[in-house]
Amino acid sequence: MITPTVARQEEAQLYEELRRAVEEFEEGEQRQTVLNRMIRQLRFAKWRKDRMRKIDAYCQRIKPATLWIILTTGALVPVLLFTMFIWVSLWVE
């Protein structure tokens, strides 16, 4: 999981890179390309931070019993699917 502090640090780093890109390149196509790339990265970082906030909130509210049910279901699904595959293949023969 990505923590809010890490997300803020990453976003701050991206803003710093954007500021340097603005100062480093003169007006022109190269500057526009770099700015568009940095803006895209910032939008993605913001979107990811918003999505992770929802997931983190859910994970904070989850109860141990629910977690065990999720883990057990995830572990038993492959066994169930394999058993169904064997049963269907024997039935078809």
PDB file of N, CA and C in Angstrom:
ATOM      1  N   MET A   1       0.827  -1.183   0.000  1.00  0.00           N
ATOM      2  CA  MET A   1       0.000   0.000   0.000  1.00  0.00           C
ATOM      3  C   MET A   1       0.870   1.245   0.000  1.00  0.00           C
ATOM      4  N   ILE A   2       0.431   2.225  -0.687  1.00  0.00           N
ATOM      5  CA  ILE A   2       1.143   3.496  -0.708  1.00  0.00           C
ATOM      6  C   ILE A   2       0.538   4.385   0.368  1.00  0.00           C
ATOM      7  N   THR A   3       1.387   4.945   1.206  1.00  0.00           N
ATOM      8  CA  THR A   3       0.890   5.777   2.295  1.00  0.00           C
ATOM      9  C   THR A   3       0.707   7.202   1.810  1.00  0.00           C
ATOM     10  N   PRO A   4      -0.148   7.972   2.497  1.00  0.00           N
ATOM     11  CA  PRO A   4      -0.363   9.361   2.081  1.00  0.00           C
ATOM     12  C   PRO A   4       0.922  10.186   2.104  1.00  0.00           C
ATOM     13  N   THR A   5       1.817   9.910   3.049  1.00  0.00           N
ATOM     14  CA  THR A   5       3.069  10.654   3.120  1.00  0.00           C
ATOM     15  C   THR A   5       3.925  10.385   1.882  1.00  0.00           C
ATOM     16  N   VAL A   6       4.003   9.136   1.476  1.00  0.00           N
ATOM     17  CA  VAL A   6       4.774   8.777   0.286  1.00  0.00           C
ATOM     18  C   VAL A   6       4.145   9.415  -0.944  1.00  0.00           C
ATOM     19  N   ALA A   7       2.819   9.412  -1.015  1.00  0.00           N
ATOM     20  CA  ALA A   7       2.132  10.014  -2.163  1.00  0.00           C
ATOM     21  C   ALA A   7       2.415  11.509  -2.223  1.00  0.00           C
ATOM     22  N   ARG A   8       2.392  12.183  -1.059  1.00  0.00           N
ATOM     23  CA  ARG A   8       2.679  13.623  -1.031  1.00  0.00           C
ATOM     24  C   ARG A   8       4.118  13.896  -1.440  1.00  0.00           C
ATOM     25  N   GLN A   9       5.044  13.065  -0.984  1.00  0.00           N
ATOM     26  CA  GLN A   9       6.450  13.250  -1.356  1.00  0.00           C
ATOM     27  C   GLN A   9       6.643  13.052  -2.855  1.00  0.00           C
ATOM     28  N   GLU A  10       5.978  12.044  -3.397  1.00  0.00           N
ATOM     29  CA  GLU A  10       6.086  11.791  -4.836  1.00  0.00           C
ATOM     30  C   GLU A  10       5.499  12.961  -5.626  1.00  0.00           C
ATOM     31  N   GLU A  11       4.357  13.466  -5.168  1.00  0.00           N
ATOM     32  CA  GLU A  11       3.736  14.596  -5.853  1.00  0.00           C
ATOM     33  C   GLU A  11       4.616  15.838  -5.754  1.00  0.00           C
ATOM     34  N   ALA A  12       5.214  16.069  -4.584  1.00  0.00           N
ATOM     35  CA  ALA A  12       6.112  17.211  -4.419  1.00  0.00           C
ATOM     36  C   ALA A  12       7.325  17.081  -5.330  1.00  0.00           C
ATOM     37  N   GLN A  13       7.836  15.867  -5.461  1.00  0.00           N
ATOM     38  CA  GLN A  13       8.977  15.636  -6.349  1.00  0.00           C
ATOM     39  C   GLN A  13       8.596  15.927  -7.795  1.00  0.00           C
ATOM     40  N   LEU A  14       7.390  15.521  -8.197  1.00  0.00           N
ATOM     41  CA  LEU A  14       6.945  15.784  -9.563  1.00  0.00           C
ATOM     42  C   LEU A  14       6.782  17.278  -9.817  1.00  0.00           C
ATOM     43  N   TYR A  15       6.263  18.010  -8.831  1.00  0.00           N
ATOM     44  CA  TYR A  15       6.131  19.457  -8.983  1.00  0.00           C
ATOM     45  C   TYR A  15       7.510  20.117  -9.087  1.00  0.00           C
ATOM     46  N   GLU A  16       8.456  19.609  -8.312  1.00  0.00           N
ATOM     47  CA  GLU A  16       9.820  20.150  -8.384  1.00  0.00           C
ATOM     48  C   GLU A  16      10.430  19.899  -9.762  1.00  0.00           C
ATOM     49  N   GLU A  17      10.219  18.705 -10.309  1.00  0.00           N
ATOM     50  CA  GLU A  17      10.715  18.404 -11.648  1.00  0.00           C
ATOM     51  C   GLU A  17      10.039  19.297 -12.690  1.00  0.00           C
ATOM     52  N   LEU A  18       8.769  19.559 -12.508  1.00  0.00           N
ATOM     53  CA  LEU A  18       8.046  20.443 -13.430  1.00  0.00           C
ATOM     54  C   LEU A  18       8.614  21.854 -13.371  1.00  0.00           C
ATOM     55  N   ARG A  19       8.902  22.340 -12.171  1.00  0.00           N
ATOM     56  CA  ARG A  19       9.475  23.670 -12.023  1.00  0.00           C
ATOM     57  C   ARG A  19      10.842  23.747 -12.706  1.00  0.00           C
ATOM     58  N   ARG A  20      11.675  22.705 -12.502  1.00  0.00           N
ATOM     59  CA  ARG A  20      12.987  22.686 -13.151  1.00  0.00           C
ATOM     60  C   ARG A  20      12.873  22.626 -14.667  1.00  0.00           C
ATOM     61  N   ALA A  21      11.884  21.852 -15.157  1.00  0.00           N
ATOM     62  CA  ALA A  21      11.688  21.751 -16.605  1.00  0.00           C
ATOM     63  C   ALA A  21      11.287  23.098 -17.194  1.00  0.00           C
ATOM     64  N   VAL A  22      10.467  23.844 -16.470  1.00  0.00           N
ATOM     65  CA  VAL A  22      10.051  25.168 -16.944  1.00  0.00           C
ATOM     66  C   VAL A  22      11.254  26.101 -17.006  1.00  0.00           C
ATOM     67  N   GLU A  23      12.118  26.031 -16.000  1.00  0.00           N
ATOM     68  CA  GLU A  23      13.285  26.904 -15.965  1.00  0.00           C
ATOM     69  C   GLU A  23      14.373  26.460 -16.950  1.00  0.00           C
ATOM     70  N   GLU A  24      14.489  25.149 -17.162  1.00  0.00           N
ATOM     71  CA  GLU A  24      15.597  24.609 -17.946  1.00  0.00           C
ATOM     72  C   GLU A  24      15.440  24.844 -19.452  1.00  0.00           C
ATOM     73  N   PHE A  25      14.237  24.634 -19.963  1.00  0.00           N
ATOM     74  CA  PHE A  25      14.033  24.700 -21.405  1.00  0.00           C
ATOM     75  C   PHE A  25      13.487  26.059 -21.804  1.00  0.00           C
ATOM     76  N   GLU A  26      13.960  26.526 -22.928  1.00  0.00           N
ATOM     77  CA  GLU A  26      13.431  27.765 -23.474  1.00  0.00           C
ATOM     78  C   GLU A  26      12.109  27.463 -24.174  1.00  0.00           C
ATOM     79  N   GLU A  27      11.417  28.530 -24.556  1.00  0.00           N
ATOM     80  CA  GLU A  27      10.157  28.357 -25.267  1.00  0.00           C
ATOM     81  C   GLU A  27      10.386  27.522 -26.522  1.00  0.00           C
ATOM     82  N   GLY A  28       9.493  26.607 -26.778  1.00  0.00           N
ATOM     83  CA  GLY A  28       9.620  25.806 -27.978  1.00  0.00           C
ATOM     84  C   GLY A  28       8.966  24.454 -27.835  1.00  0.00           C
ATOM     85  N   GLU A  29       9.184  23.632 -28.832  1.00  0.00           N
ATOM     86  CA  GLU A  29       8.534  22.330 -28.895  1.00  0.00           C
ATOM     87  C   GLU A  29       9.051  21.379 -27.810  1.00  0.00           C
ATOM     88  N   GLN A  30      10.353  21.425 -27.537  1.00  0.00           N
ATOM     89  CA  GLN A  30      10.921  20.528 -26.524  1.00  0.00           C
ATOM     90  C   GLN A  30      10.345  20.857 -25.152  1.00  0.00           C
ATOM     91  N   ARG A  31      10.241  22.131 -24.835  1.00  0.00           N
ATOM     92  CA  ARG A  31       9.675  22.542 -23.549  1.00  0.00           C
ATOM     93  C   ARG A  31       8.218  22.096 -23.447  1.00  0.00           C
ATOM     94  N   GLN A  32       7.467  22.261 -24.514  1.00  0.00           N
ATOM     95  CA  GLN A  32       6.064  21.861 -24.504  1.00  0.00           C
ATOM     96  C   GLN A  32       5.926  20.349 -24.305  1.00  0.00           C
ATOM     97  N   THR A  33       6.803  19.587 -24.944  1.00  0.00           N
ATOM     98  CA  THR A  33       6.779  18.130 -24.796  1.00  0.00           C
ATOM     99  C   THR A  33       7.060  17.723 -23.355  1.00  0.00           C
ATOM    100  N   VAL A  34       8.079  18.331 -22.755  1.00  0.00           N
ATOM    101  CA  VAL A  34       8.434  18.015 -21.369  1.00  0.00           C
ATOM    102  C   VAL A  34       7.310  18.420 -20.432  1.00  0.00           C
ATOM    103  N   LEU A  35       6.734  19.588 -20.643  1.00  0.00           N
ATOM    104  CA  LEU A  35       5.634  20.051 -19.785  1.00  0.00           C
ATOM    105  C   LEU A  35       4.419  19.138 -19.901  1.00  0.00           C
ATOM    106  N   ASN A  36       4.087  18.722 -21.106  1.00  0.00           N
ATOM    107  CA  ASN A  36       2.941  17.807 -21.278  1.00  0.00           C
ATOM    108  C   ASN A  36       3.181  16.481 -20.571  1.00  0.00           C
ATOM    109  N   ARG A  37       4.407  15.960 -20.668  1.00  0.00           N
ATOM    110  CA  ARG A  37       4.730  14.700 -19.983  1.00  0.00           C
ATOM    111  C   ARG A  37       4.619  14.852 -18.473  1.00  0.00           C
ATOM    112  N   MET A  38       5.141  15.960 -17.944  1.00  0.00           N
ATOM    113  CA  MET A  38       5.095  16.183 -16.504  1.00  0.00           C
ATOM    114  C   MET A  38       3.659  16.394 -16.018  1.00  0.00           C
ATOM    115  N   ILE A  39       2.857  17.112 -16.787  1.00  0.00           N
ATOM    116  CA  ILE A  39       1.459  17.321 -16.408  1.00  0.00           C
ATOM    117  C   ILE A  39       0.712  15.991 -16.391  1.00  0.00           C
ATOM    118  N   ARG A  40       0.991  15.131 -17.365  1.00  0.00           N
ATOM    119  CA  ARG A  40       0.372  13.802 -17.393  1.00  0.00           C
ATOM    120  C   ARG A  40       0.766  12.992 -16.154  1.00  0.00           C
ATOM    121  N   GLN A  41       2.033  13.067 -15.759  1.00  0.00           N
ATOM    122  CA  GLN A  41       2.488  12.338 -14.574  1.00  0.00           C
ATOM    123  C   GLN A  41       1.814  12.874 -13.317  1.00  0.00           C
ATOM    124  N   LEU A  42       1.671  14.197 -13.225  1.00  0.00           N
ATOM    125  CA  LEU A  42       1.013  14.786 -12.058  1.00  0.00           C
ATOM    126  C   LEU A  42      -0.455  14.380 -11.980  1.00  0.00           C
ATOM    127  N   ARG A  43      -1.128  14.362 -13.113  1.00  0.00           N
ATOM    128  CA  ARG A  43      -2.535  13.942 -13.116  1.00  0.00           C
ATOM    129  C   ARG A  43      -2.663  12.488 -12.680  1.00  0.00           C
ATOM    130  N   PHE A  44      -1.757  11.636 -13.172  1.00  0.00           N
ATOM    131  CA  PHE A  44      -1.801  10.231 -12.786  1.00  0.00           C
ATOM    132  C   PHE A  44      -1.516  10.077 -11.295  1.00  0.00           C
ATOM    133  N   ALA A  45      -0.556  10.838 -10.767  1.00  0.00           N
ATOM    134  CA  ALA A  45      -0.242  10.763  -9.336  1.00  0.00           C
ATOM    135  C   ALA A  45      -1.449  11.195  -8.505  1.00  0.00           C
ATOM    136  N   LYS A  46      -2.134  12.233  -8.934  1.00  0.00           N
ATOM    137  CA  LYS A  46      -3.326  12.698  -8.213  1.00  0.00           C
ATOM    138  C   LYS A  46      -4.426  11.644  -8.285  1.00  0.00           C
ATOM    139  N   TRP A  47      -4.645  11.066  -9.468  1.00  0.00           N
ATOM    140  CA  TRP A  47      -5.661  10.035  -9.624  1.00  0.00           C
ATOM    141  C   TRP A  47      -5.346   8.830  -8.742  1.00  0.00           C
ATOM    142  N   ARG A  48      -4.055   8.411  -8.741  1.00  0.00           N
ATOM    143  CA  ARG A  48      -3.661   7.259  -7.928  1.00  0.00           C
ATOM    144  C   ARG A  48      -3.826   7.549  -6.445  1.00  0.00           C
ATOM    145  N   LYS A  49      -3.495   8.771  -6.026  1.00  0.00           N
ATOM    146  CA  LYS A  49      -3.643   9.137  -4.626  1.00  0.00           C
ATOM    147  C   LYS A  49      -5.113   9.085  -4.214  1.00  0.00           C
ATOM    148  N   ASP A  50      -6.012   9.568  -5.075  1.00  0.00           N
ATOM    149  CA  ASP A  50      -7.437   9.516  -4.779  1.00  0.00           C
ATOM    150  C   ASP A  50      -7.930   8.077  -4.699  1.00  0.00           C
ATOM    151  N   ARG A  51      -7.486   7.241  -5.629  1.00  0.00           N
ATOM    152  CA  ARG A  51      -7.902   5.841  -5.609  1.00  0.00           C
ATOM    153  C   ARG A  51      -7.376   5.121  -4.374  1.00  0.00           C
ATOM    154  N   MET A  52      -6.111   5.378  -4.036  1.00  0.00           N
ATOM    155  CA  MET A  52      -5.520   4.702  -2.882  1.00  0.00           C
ATOM    156  C   MET A  52      -6.170   5.164  -1.591  1.00  0.00           C
ATOM    157  N   ARG A  53      -6.652   6.391  -1.532  1.00  0.00           N
ATOM    158  CA  ARG A  53      -7.339   6.881  -0.338  1.00  0.00           C
ATOM    159  C   ARG A  53      -8.586   6.038  -0.084  1.00  0.00           C
ATOM    160  N   LYS A  54      -9.326   5.698  -1.142  1.00  0.00           N
ATOM    161  CA  LYS A  54     -10.523   4.869  -0.993  1.00  0.00           C
ATOM    162  C   LYS A  54     -10.154   3.461  -0.544  1.00  0.00           C
ATOM    163  N   ILE A  55      -9.113   2.900  -1.135  1.00  0.00           N
ATOM    164  CA  ILE A  55      -8.682   1.547  -0.763  1.00  0.00           C
ATOM    165  C   ILE A  55      -8.171   1.522   0.666  1.00  0.00           C
ATOM    166  N   ASP A  56      -7.382   2.533   1.057  1.00  0.00           N
ATOM    167  CA  ASP A  56      -6.874   2.599   2.422  1.00  0.00           C
ATOM    168  C   ASP A  56      -8.009   2.721   3.430  1.00  0.00           C
ATOM    169  N   ALA A  57      -9.020   3.511   3.105  1.00  0.00           N
ATOM    170  CA  ALA A  57     -10.167   3.655   4.001  1.00  0.00           C
ATOM    171  C   ALA A  57     -10.876   2.311   4.164  1.00  0.00           C
ATOM    172  N   TYR A  58     -11.028   1.569   3.075  1.00  0.00           N
ATOM    173  CA  TYR A  58     -11.663   0.259   3.162  1.00  0.00           C
ATOM    174  C   TYR A  58     -10.828  -0.696   4.007  1.00  0.00           C
ATOM    175  N   CYS A  59      -9.508  -0.677   3.805  1.00  0.00           N
ATOM    176  CA  CYS A  59      -8.630  -1.580   4.552  1.00  0.00           C
ATOM    177  C   CYS A  59      -8.606  -1.247   6.044  1.00  0.00           C
ATOM    178  N   GLN A  60      -8.804   0.000   6.395  1.00  0.00           N
ATOM    179  CA  GLN A  60      -8.839   0.377   7.803  1.00  0.00           C
ATOM    180  C   GLN A  60     -10.113  -0.125   8.485  1.00  0.00           C
ATOM    181  N   ARG A  61     -11.206  -0.251   7.719  1.00  0.00           N
ATOM    182  CA  ARG A  61     -12.483  -0.674   8.297  1.00  0.00           C
ATOM    183  C   ARG A  61     -12.674  -2.180   8.281  1.00  0.00           C
ATOM    184  N   ILE A  62     -11.862  -2.920   7.526  1.00  0.00           N
ATOM    185  CA  ILE A  62     -12.088  -4.358   7.360  1.00  0.00           C
ATOM    186  C   ILE A  62     -11.851  -5.085   8.689  1.00  0.00           C
ATOM    187  N   LYS A  63     -12.693  -6.053   8.943  1.00  0.00           N
ATOM    188  CA  LYS A  63     -12.595  -6.833  10.174  1.00  0.00           C
ATOM    189  C   LYS A  63     -11.801  -8.107   9.909  1.00  0.00           C
ATOM    190  N   PRO A  64     -11.167  -8.672  10.929  1.00  0.00           N
ATOM    191  CA  PRO A  64     -10.368  -9.888  10.731  1.00  0.00           C
ATOM    192  C   PRO A  64     -11.168 -11.046  10.141  1.00  0.00           C
ATOM    193  N   ALA A  65     -12.423 -11.193  10.541  1.00  0.00           N
ATOM    194  CA  ALA A  65     -13.233 -12.295  10.002  1.00  0.00           C
ATOM    195  C   ALA A  65     -13.437 -12.120   8.498  1.00  0.00           C
ATOM    196  N   THR A  66     -13.686 -10.898   8.075  1.00  0.00           N
ATOM    197  CA  THR A  66     -13.853 -10.631   6.641  1.00  0.00           C
ATOM    198  C   THR A  66     -12.568 -10.921   5.893  1.00  0.00           C
ATOM    199  N   LEU A  67     -11.452 -10.550   6.479  1.00  0.00           N
ATOM    200  CA  LEU A  67     -10.166 -10.814   5.848  1.00  0.00           C
ATOM    201  C   LEU A  67      -9.933 -12.314   5.688  1.00  0.00           C
ATOM    202  N   TRP A  68     -10.262 -13.090   6.715  1.00  0.00           N
ATOM    203  CA  TRP A  68     -10.105 -14.540   6.625  1.00  0.00           C
ATOM    204  C   TRP A  68     -11.014 -15.129   5.555  1.00  0.00           C
ATOM    205  N   ILE A  69     -12.226 -14.603   5.431  1.00  0.00           N
ATOM    206  CA  ILE A  69     -13.143 -15.101   4.400  1.00  0.00           C
ATOM    207  C   ILE A  69     -12.579 -14.816   3.014  1.00  0.00           C
ATOM    208  N   ILE A  70     -12.036 -13.606   2.812  1.00  0.00           N
ATOM    209  CA  ILE A  70     -11.453 -13.240   1.521  1.00  0.00           C
ATOM    210  C   ILE A  70     -10.272 -14.147   1.196  1.00  0.00           C
ATOM    211  N   LEU A  71      -9.380 -14.358   2.158  1.00  0.00           N
ATOM    212  CA  LEU A  71      -8.208 -15.203   1.932  1.00  0.00           C
ATOM    213  C   LEU A  71      -8.587 -16.656   1.666  1.00  0.00           C
ATOM    214  N   THR A  72      -9.543 -17.170   2.421  1.00  0.00           N
ATOM    215  CA  THR A  72      -9.981 -18.552   2.241  1.00  0.00           C
ATOM    216  C   THR A  72     -10.625 -18.743   0.876  1.00  0.00           C
ATOM    217  N   THR A  73     -11.467 -17.785   0.495  1.00  0.00           N
ATOM    218  CA  THR A  73     -12.114 -17.860  -0.817  1.00  0.00           C
ATOM    219  C   THR A  73     -11.069 -17.837  -1.926  1.00  0.00           C
ATOM    220  N   GLY A  74     -10.096 -16.942  -1.807  1.00  0.00           N
ATOM    221  CA  GLY A  74      -9.039 -16.859  -2.815  1.00  0.00           C
ATOM    222  C   GLY A  74      -8.213 -18.130  -2.907  1.00  0.00           C
ATOM    223  N   ALA A  75      -8.031 -18.803  -1.775  1.00  0.00           N
ATOM    224  CA  ALA A  75      -7.246 -20.034  -1.779  1.00  0.00           C
ATOM    225  C   ALA A  75      -8.049 -21.224  -2.318  1.00  0.00           C
ATOM    226  N   LEU A  76      -9.359 -21.220  -2.090  1.00  0.00           N
ATOM    227  CA  LEU A  76     -10.174 -22.369  -2.496  1.00  0.00           C
ATOM    228  C   LEU A  76     -10.673 -22.296  -3.935  1.00  0.00           C
ATOM    229  N   VAL A  77     -10.708 -21.120  -4.529  1.00  0.00           N
ATOM    230  CA  VAL A  77     -11.214 -20.990  -5.896  1.00  0.00           C
ATOM    231  C   VAL A  77     -10.401 -21.831  -6.890  1.00  0.00           C
ATOM    232  N   PRO A  78      -9.065 -21.798  -6.879  1.00  0.00           N
ATOM    233  CA  PRO A  78      -8.340 -22.658  -7.831  1.00  0.00           C
ATOM    234  C   PRO A  78      -8.619 -24.148  -7.625  1.00  0.00           C
ATOM    235  N   VAL A  79      -8.755 -24.565  -6.381  1.00  0.00           N
ATOM    236  CA  VAL A  79      -9.052 -25.978  -6.103  1.00  0.00           C
ATOM    237  C   VAL A  79     -10.421 -26.334  -6.655  1.00  0.00           C
ATOM    238  N   LEU A  80     -11.388 -25.467  -6.445  1.00  0.00           N
ATOM    239  CA  LEU A  80     -12.738 -25.712  -6.945  1.00  0.00           C
ATOM    240  C   LEU A  80     -12.767 -25.755  -8.471  1.00  0.00           C
ATOM    241  N   LEU A  81     -12.075 -24.820  -9.114  1.00  0.00           N
ATOM    242  CA  LEU A  81     -12.042 -24.806 -10.577  1.00  0.00           C
ATOM    243  C   LEU A  81     -11.356 -26.054 -11.136  1.00  0.00           C
ATOM    244  N   PHE A  82     -10.264 -26.479 -10.518  1.00  0.00           N
ATOM    245  CA  PHE A  82      -9.576 -27.688 -10.972  1.00  0.00           C
ATOM    246  C   PHE A  82     -10.469 -28.917 -10.796  1.00  0.00           C
ATOM    247  N   THR A  83     -11.171 -28.984  -9.667  1.00  0.00           N
ATOM    248  CA  THR A  83     -12.081 -30.103  -9.417  1.00  0.00           C
ATOM    249  C   THR A  83     -13.193 -30.135 -10.460  1.00  0.00           C
ATOM    250  N   MET A  84     -13.739 -28.952 -10.783  1.00  0.00           N
ATOM    251  CA  MET A  84     -14.792 -28.886 -11.813  1.00  0.00           C
ATOM    252  C   MET A  84     -14.240 -29.308 -13.172  1.00  0.00           C
ATOM    253  N   PHE A  85     -13.020 -28.908 -13.483  1.00  0.00           N
ATOM    254  CA  PHE A  85     -12.401 -29.311 -14.744  1.00  0.00           C
ATOM    255  C   PHE A  85     -12.266 -30.828 -14.833  1.00  0.00           C
ATOM    256  N   ILE A  86     -11.798 -31.446 -13.778  1.00  0.00           N
ATOM    257  CA  ILE A  86     -11.650 -32.911 -13.756  1.00  0.00           C
ATOM    258  C   ILE A  86     -13.017 -33.570 -13.887  1.00  0.00           C
ATOM    259  N   TRP A  87     -14.006 -33.081 -13.140  1.00  0.00           N
ATOM    260  CA  TRP A  87     -15.340 -33.670 -13.164  1.00  0.00           C
ATOM    261  C   TRP A  87     -15.946 -33.575 -14.558  1.00  0.00           C
ATOM    262  N   VAL A  88     -15.814 -32.406 -15.197  1.00  0.00           N
ATOM    263  CA  VAL A  88     -16.378 -32.231 -16.542  1.00  0.00           C
ATOM    264  C   VAL A  88     -15.629 -33.094 -17.545  1.00  0.00           C
ATOM    265  N   SER A  89     -14.323 -33.187 -17.443  1.00  0.00           N
ATOM    266  CA  SER A  89     -13.568 -34.025 -18.390  1.00  0.00           C
ATOM    267  C   SER A  89     -13.927 -35.498 -18.228  1.00  0.00           C
ATOM    268  N   LEU A  90     -14.180 -35.970 -17.014  1.00  0.00           N
ATOM    269  CA  LEU A  90     -14.604 -37.357 -16.817  1.00  0.00           C
ATOM    270  C   LEU A  90     -16.023 -37.567 -17.321  1.00  0.00           C
ATOM    271  N   TRP A  91     -16.868 -36.570 -17.157  1.00  0.00           N
ATOM    272  CA  TRP A  91     -18.255 -36.676 -17.608  1.00  0.00           C
ATOM    273  C   TRP A  91     -18.339 -36.716 -19.135  1.00  0.00           C
ATOM    274  N   VAL A  92     -17.437 -35.942 -19.800  1.00  0.00           N
ATOM    275  CA  VAL A  92     -17.458 -35.892 -21.257  1.00  0.00           C
ATOM    276  C   VAL A  92     -16.974 -37.212 -21.850  1.00  0.00           C
ATOM    277  N   GLU A  93     -16.038 -37.884 -21.228  1.00  0.00           N
ATOM    278  CA  GLU A  93     -15.516 -39.150 -21.769  1.00  0.00           C
ATOM    279  C   GLU A  93     -16.513 -40.226 -21.812  1.00  0.00           C
TER     280      GLU A  93
END
